[in-house]
C-alpha cells in the first residue's frame, strides 16, 4: 500500500512539474510571437507612411504647398 501511494504522489508531482515547465515555455513563446507581430506591424506601417510622403507624391506636394502658404501668411 505504501509503494502505491508513493507512485501516485510521484505521478501527480511529475504531472505538476511538466505542466509548469510547459506553461513557462509556451508563455514565453506567446510573448515572442506577440512581440514579433508588434514589431512587424510597426515596420509595415512605417513603410507605408514613408512611401506616402515620398518626394513627388500628392501628399508631399500638399505638405509643401501648406508650408509655403503658412510662410507667406506669417511674413
Protein backbone atom coordinates (compact mmCIF):
# COMPACT_ATOMS: atom_id res chain seq x y z
CA UNK A 1 0.00 0.00 0.00
CA UNK A 2 2.85 2.42 0.85
CA UNK A 3 4.53 1.95 -2.53
CA UNK A 4 1.27 2.58 -4.40
CA UNK A 5 0.75 5.86 -2.55
CA UNK A 6 4.33 6.93 -3.34
CA UNK A 7 3.86 6.08 -7.05
CA UNK A 8 0.63 8.08 -7.19
CA UNK A 9 2.26 11.04 -5.45
CA UNK A 10 5.27 10.82 -7.78
CA UNK A 11 2.96 10.69 -10.79
CA UNK A 12 0.99 13.73 -9.60
CA UNK A 13 4.24 15.61 -8.85
CA UNK A 14 5.59 14.74 -12.30
CA UNK A 15 2.44 15.98 -13.99
CA UNK A 16 2.58 19.23 -12.00
CA UNK A 17 6.25 19.84 -12.86
CA UNK A 18 5.79 19.01 -16.55
CA UNK A 19 2.72 21.24 -16.81
CA UNK A 20 4.57 24.09 -15.07
CA UNK A 21 7.53 23.78 -17.46
CA UNK A 22 5.23 23.57 -20.50
CA UNK A 23 3.31 26.63 -19.32
CA UNK A 24 6.55 28.59 -18.88
CA UNK A 25 7.82 27.63 -22.34
CA UNK A 26 4.56 28.29 -24.18
CA UNK A 27 4.04 31.52 -22.24
CA UNK A 28 7.43 32.79 -23.38
CA UNK A 29 6.69 31.58 -26.91
CA UNK A 30 3.40 33.51 -26.90
CA UNK A 31 5.16 36.73 -25.86
CA UNK A 32 7.80 36.25 -28.55
CA UNK A 33 5.09 35.83 -31.19
CA UNK A 34 3.21 38.89 -29.89
CA UNK A 35 6.41 40.97 -29.92
CA UNK A 36 7.22 39.85 -33.46
CA UNK A 37 3.72 40.84 -34.61
CA UNK A 38 4.01 44.27 -32.98
CA UNK A 39 7.44 44.93 -34.49
CA UNK A 40 6.36 43.65 -37.91
CA UNK A 41 3.24 45.80 -37.83
CA UNK A 42 5.25 48.84 -36.87
CA UNK A 43 7.70 48.30 -39.72
CA UNK A 44 4.85 47.78 -42.18
CA UNK A 45 3.14 50.98 -41.02
CA UNK A 46 6.41 52.93 -41.15
CA UNK A 47 7.00 51.75 -44.72
CA UNK A 48 3.51 52.78 -45.81
CA UNK A 49 3.82 56.23 -44.24
CA UNK A 50 7.30 56.76 -45.66
CA UNK A 51 6.11 55.80 -49.15
CA UNK A 52 3.06 58.03 -48.79
CA UNK A 53 5.07 61.21 -48.12
CA UNK A 54 7.92 60.48 -50.53
CA UNK A 55 9.01 63.34 -52.81
CA UNK A 56 6.71 63.81 -55.77
CA UNK A 57 3.64 62.24 -54.19
CA UNK A 58 0.37 64.10 -53.82
CA UNK A 59 0.70 64.14 -50.04
CA UNK A 60 4.20 65.61 -50.18
CA UNK A 61 3.08 68.32 -52.63
CA UNK A 62 0.17 69.22 -50.32
CA UNK A 63 2.55 69.48 -47.35
CA UNK A 64 4.91 71.72 -49.32
CA UNK A 65 2.03 73.93 -50.53
CA UNK A 66 0.70 74.29 -46.97
CA UNK A 67 4.17 75.17 -45.70
CA UNK A 68 4.60 77.78 -48.43
CA UNK A 69 1.18 79.30 -47.67
CA UNK A 70 1.95 79.39 -43.95
CA UNK A 71 5.29 81.14 -44.54
CA UNK A 72 3.72 83.70 -46.89
CA UNK A 73 0.95 84.42 -44.39
CA UNK A 74 3.37 84.94 -41.49
CA UNK A 75 5.89 87.27 -43.11
